[in-house]
């Protein structure tokens, strides 16, 4: 079952009173894989244990969410999924940065917001990869922006495994790799042992 369908089922179950579930909902629940079914059931238990005011606040948030334009919903979902995919170290850095941002004067926050809005779309998408990859994304974008879905997670893990020097070497290689050769380069990087990548990148980036 697709993730969106699972979420809809969870919402339907949470909306029901604390009594036996209707047969059609039970059938849908039983059709879920065990892990997803357990997650929905856990959400139901948590919901029914919440104080009434907390449940009402969540209902209000759901109403506000439903009122959003589809494009806004899509952007927020993408941001949430990007956050969930970040390593914990990156999330910790971003939490600390957010705390600093919150203490800034309004004029300074506004100026930073305008600078971010002025970035190209690919640069904004790059920053969603976290503070480390986001800083290098303008140089890496050409090599990694358009990749097959089955490669994406492995490529991100590979990029995050590189140190600053190796990423700088890869950025140099990316700039001089023709579009028709990029897929072969990505596949070669994924196929080689992790311990060998940094040395290989250094040799490939060397002017000699």
Protein backbone atom coordinates (compact mmCIF):
# COMPACT_ATOMS: atom_id res chain seq x y z
CA UNK A 1 0.00 0.00 0.00
CA UNK A 2 1.32 3.44 -0.89
CA UNK A 3 2.41 5.73 1.95
CA UNK A 4 -0.35 8.25 1.21
CA UNK A 5 -2.97 5.48 1.49
CA UNK A 6 -1.51 4.39 4.84
CA UNK A 7 -1.72 7.95 6.14
CA UNK A 8 -5.34 8.22 5.03
CA UNK A 9 -6.16 4.99 6.83
CA UNK A 10 -4.47 6.28 9.99
CA UNK A 11 -6.54 9.46 9.84
CA UNK A 12 -9.73 7.44 9.36
CA UNK A 13 -8.96 5.20 12.33
CA UNK A 14 -8.03 8.15 14.56
CA UNK A 15 -11.32 9.85 13.74
CA UNK A 16 -13.34 6.90 15.01
CA UNK A 17 -14.63 6.71 18.59
CA UNK A 18 -13.10 4.24 21.01
CA UNK A 19 -15.21 1.24 19.98
CA UNK A 20 -14.96 -1.70 17.60
CA UNK A 21 -13.78 -0.64 14.17
CA UNK A 22 -16.14 -0.98 11.18
CA UNK A 23 -15.49 -4.09 9.06
CA UNK A 24 -14.18 -2.12 6.05
CA UNK A 25 -11.60 -0.32 8.22
CA UNK A 26 -10.57 -3.59 9.85
CA UNK A 27 -10.03 -5.14 6.42
CA UNK A 28 -7.85 -2.22 5.35
CA UNK A 29 -5.89 -2.39 8.59
CA UNK A 30 -5.32 -6.12 8.28
CA UNK A 31 -4.11 -5.67 4.69
CA UNK A 32 -1.18 -3.52 5.82
CA UNK A 33 2.31 -5.00 6.22
CA UNK A 34 2.94 -5.83 9.91
CA UNK A 35 5.23 -2.86 10.50
CA UNK A 36 2.82 -0.30 9.05
CA UNK A 37 -0.15 -1.90 10.83
CA UNK A 38 1.69 -1.69 14.16
CA UNK A 39 2.52 1.96 13.51
CA UNK A 40 -1.13 2.86 12.82
CA UNK A 41 -2.25 0.97 15.94
CA UNK A 42 0.36 2.77 18.03
CA UNK A 43 -0.87 6.11 16.71
CA UNK A 44 -4.43 5.17 17.68
CA UNK A 45 -3.33 4.29 21.23
CA UNK A 46 -1.40 7.54 21.58
CA UNK A 47 -4.32 9.56 20.23
CA UNK A 48 -6.81 8.07 22.66
CA UNK A 49 -4.50 8.70 25.59
CA UNK A 50 -4.07 12.40 24.75
CA UNK A 51 -5.83 15.09 26.79
CA UNK A 52 -8.87 16.53 25.04
CA UNK A 53 -7.24 19.92 24.51
CA UNK A 54 -4.25 18.32 22.78
CA UNK A 55 -6.54 16.33 20.46
CA UNK A 56 -8.47 19.50 19.65
CA UNK A 57 -5.23 21.35 18.83
CA UNK A 58 -4.23 18.56 16.44
CA UNK A 59 -7.65 18.63 14.80
CA UNK A 60 -7.24 22.36 14.26
CA UNK A 61 -3.84 21.81 12.67
CA UNK A 62 -5.41 19.21 10.37
CA UNK A 63 -8.07 21.72 9.32
CA UNK A 64 -5.39 24.33 8.62
CA UNK A 65 -3.40 21.78 6.62
CA UNK A 66 -6.43 20.87 4.51
CA UNK A 67 -6.92 24.57 3.69
CA UNK A 68 -3.42 24.95 2.20
CA UNK A 69 -2.85 25.13 -1.53
CA UNK A 70 -1.57 21.86 -3.07
CA UNK A 71 1.76 23.46 -4.00
CA UNK A 72 2.32 24.55 -0.40
CA UNK A 73 1.49 21.07 0.87
CA UNK A 74 3.90 19.53 -1.62
CA UNK A 75 6.70 21.90 -0.59
CA UNK A 76 6.17 21.17 3.10
CA UNK A 77 6.08 17.42 2.53
CA UNK A 78 9.33 17.65 0.55
CA UNK A 79 10.96 19.67 3.33
CA UNK A 80 9.82 17.15 5.97
CA UNK A 81 11.07 14.18 3.95
CA UNK A 82 14.40 15.95 3.40
CA UNK A 83 14.70 16.57 7.16
CA UNK A 84 13.94 12.93 7.95
CA UNK A 85 16.68 11.81 5.53
CA UNK A 86 19.40 13.92 7.17
CA UNK A 87 22.03 12.31 9.42
CA UNK A 88 21.51 13.16 13.09
CA UNK A 89 24.71 15.20 13.16
CA UNK A 90 23.35 17.47 10.43
CA UNK A 91 20.02 17.80 12.21
CA UNK A 92 21.81 18.79 15.42
CA UNK A 93 23.75 21.48 13.55
CA UNK A 94 20.56 22.79 11.97
CA UNK A 95 18.76 22.91 15.33
CA UNK A 96 21.61 24.96 16.74
CA UNK A 97 21.54 27.24 13.69
CA UNK A 98 17.78 27.66 14.02
CA UNK A 99 18.23 28.75 17.62
CA UNK A 100 20.76 31.39 16.52
CA UNK A 101 18.42 32.52 13.75
CA UNK A 102 15.53 32.89 16.21
CA UNK A 103 17.61 35.30 18.33
CA UNK A 104 18.54 37.54 15.38
CA UNK A 105 16.89 40.94 14.91
CA UNK A 106 13.92 40.88 12.56
CA UNK A 107 15.76 42.92 9.93
CA UNK A 108 18.61 40.41 9.83
CA UNK A 109 16.22 37.46 9.55
CA UNK A 110 14.38 39.20 6.75
CA UNK A 111 17.62 39.83 4.86
CA UNK A 112 18.60 36.16 5.13
CA UNK A 113 15.14 35.08 3.95
CA UNK A 114 15.47 37.31 0.90
CA UNK A 115 18.94 35.92 0.13
CA UNK A 116 17.57 32.38 0.27
CA UNK A 117 14.60 33.26 -1.93
CA UNK A 118 16.99 34.76 -4.50
CA UNK A 119 18.90 31.48 -4.89
CA UNK A 120 18.38 29.31 -7.93
CA UNK A 121 15.99 26.42 -7.36
CA UNK A 122 18.82 23.88 -7.57
CA UNK A 123 20.73 25.72 -4.84
CA UNK A 124 17.69 25.76 -2.54
CA UNK A 125 17.19 22.04 -3.16
CA UNK A 126 20.86 21.50 -2.37
CA UNK A 127 20.56 23.09 1.05
CA UNK A 128 17.87 20.55 1.88
CA UNK A 129 20.65 17.97 1.84
CA UNK A 130 22.09 19.57 4.96
CA UNK A 131 24.82 22.07 5.82
CA UNK A 132 27.69 19.92 4.53
CA UNK A 133 26.40 18.84 1.13
CA UNK A 134 24.44 22.07 0.72
CA UNK A 135 27.63 24.12 0.70
CA UNK A 136 29.16 21.92 -2.02
CA UNK A 137 25.99 21.44 -4.07
CA UNK A 138 26.61 24.19 -6.67
CA UNK A 139 29.75 22.31 -7.77
CA UNK A 140 28.20 18.82 -7.47
CA UNK A 141 24.79 19.61 -8.87
CA UNK A 142 25.56 18.72 -12.49
CA UNK A 143 26.69 15.24 -11.54
CA UNK A 144 24.00 14.36 -9.01
CA UNK A 145 20.90 16.48 -9.67
CA UNK A 146 19.22 14.07 -12.12
CA UNK A 147 19.81 10.48 -11.12
CA UNK A 148 17.71 7.30 -11.29
CA UNK A 149 15.56 6.80 -8.19
CA UNK A 150 17.27 3.50 -7.43
CA UNK A 151 20.64 5.28 -7.18
CA UNK A 152 19.63 8.34 -5.15
CA UNK A 153 19.91 7.01 -1.59
CA UNK A 154 23.15 5.15 -2.30
CA UNK A 155 24.67 8.25 -3.93
CA UNK A 156 23.73 10.48 -1.00
CA UNK A 157 25.24 7.98 1.42
CA UNK A 158 28.38 7.88 -0.69
CA UNK A 159 28.65 11.69 -0.74
CA UNK A 160 28.20 11.89 3.02
CA UNK A 161 30.95 9.30 3.52
CA UNK A 162 33.53 11.56 1.80
CA UNK A 163 35.62 14.03 3.75
CA UNK A 164 36.02 17.67 2.71
CA UNK A 165 39.09 16.98 0.59
CA UNK A 166 37.51 14.09 -1.29
CA UNK A 167 34.34 16.10 -1.96
CA UNK A 168 36.49 18.95 -3.32
CA UNK A 169 38.21 16.47 -5.65
CA UNK A 170 34.85 15.11 -6.75
CA UNK A 171 33.56 18.64 -7.37
CA UNK A 172 36.53 19.27 -9.67
CA UNK A 173 35.89 16.01 -11.51
CA UNK A 174 32.18 16.80 -11.80
CA UNK A 175 32.91 20.12 -13.48
CA UNK A 176 34.88 18.51 -16.28
CA UNK A 177 32.80 15.36 -16.81
CA UNK A 178 30.62 15.60 -19.95
CA UNK A 179 26.90 14.86 -19.43
CA UNK A 180 27.09 11.64 -21.44
CA UNK A 181 29.78 10.28 -19.09
CA UNK A 182 28.16 11.17 -15.77
CA UNK A 183 26.18 7.97 -15.34
CA UNK A 184 29.31 5.86 -15.83
CA UNK A 185 31.15 7.97 -13.25
CA UNK A 186 28.35 7.61 -10.69
CA UNK A 187 28.21 3.85 -11.20
CA UNK A 188 31.97 3.53 -10.84
CA UNK A 189 31.92 5.51 -7.60
CA UNK A 190 29.18 3.29 -6.19
CA UNK A 191 30.88 0.07 -7.23
CA UNK A 192 34.32 0.73 -5.72
CA UNK A 193 35.20 -0.05 -2.09
CA UNK A 194 34.57 2.85 0.30
CA UNK A 195 38.20 2.88 1.45
CA UNK A 196 39.44 3.30 -2.13
CA UNK A 197 37.28 6.29 -3.15
CA UNK A 198 39.33 9.12 -1.66
CA UNK A 199 42.58 7.94 -3.26
CA UNK A 200 40.87 7.35 -6.60
CA UNK A 201 39.27 10.81 -6.54
CA UNK A 202 42.62 12.42 -5.69
CA UNK A 203 44.26 10.73 -8.68
CA UNK A 204 41.42 11.64 -11.04
CA UNK A 205 41.45 15.28 -9.89
CA UNK A 206 45.23 15.61 -10.23
CA UNK A 207 46.33 17.79 -13.16
CA UNK A 208 48.96 15.16 -13.96
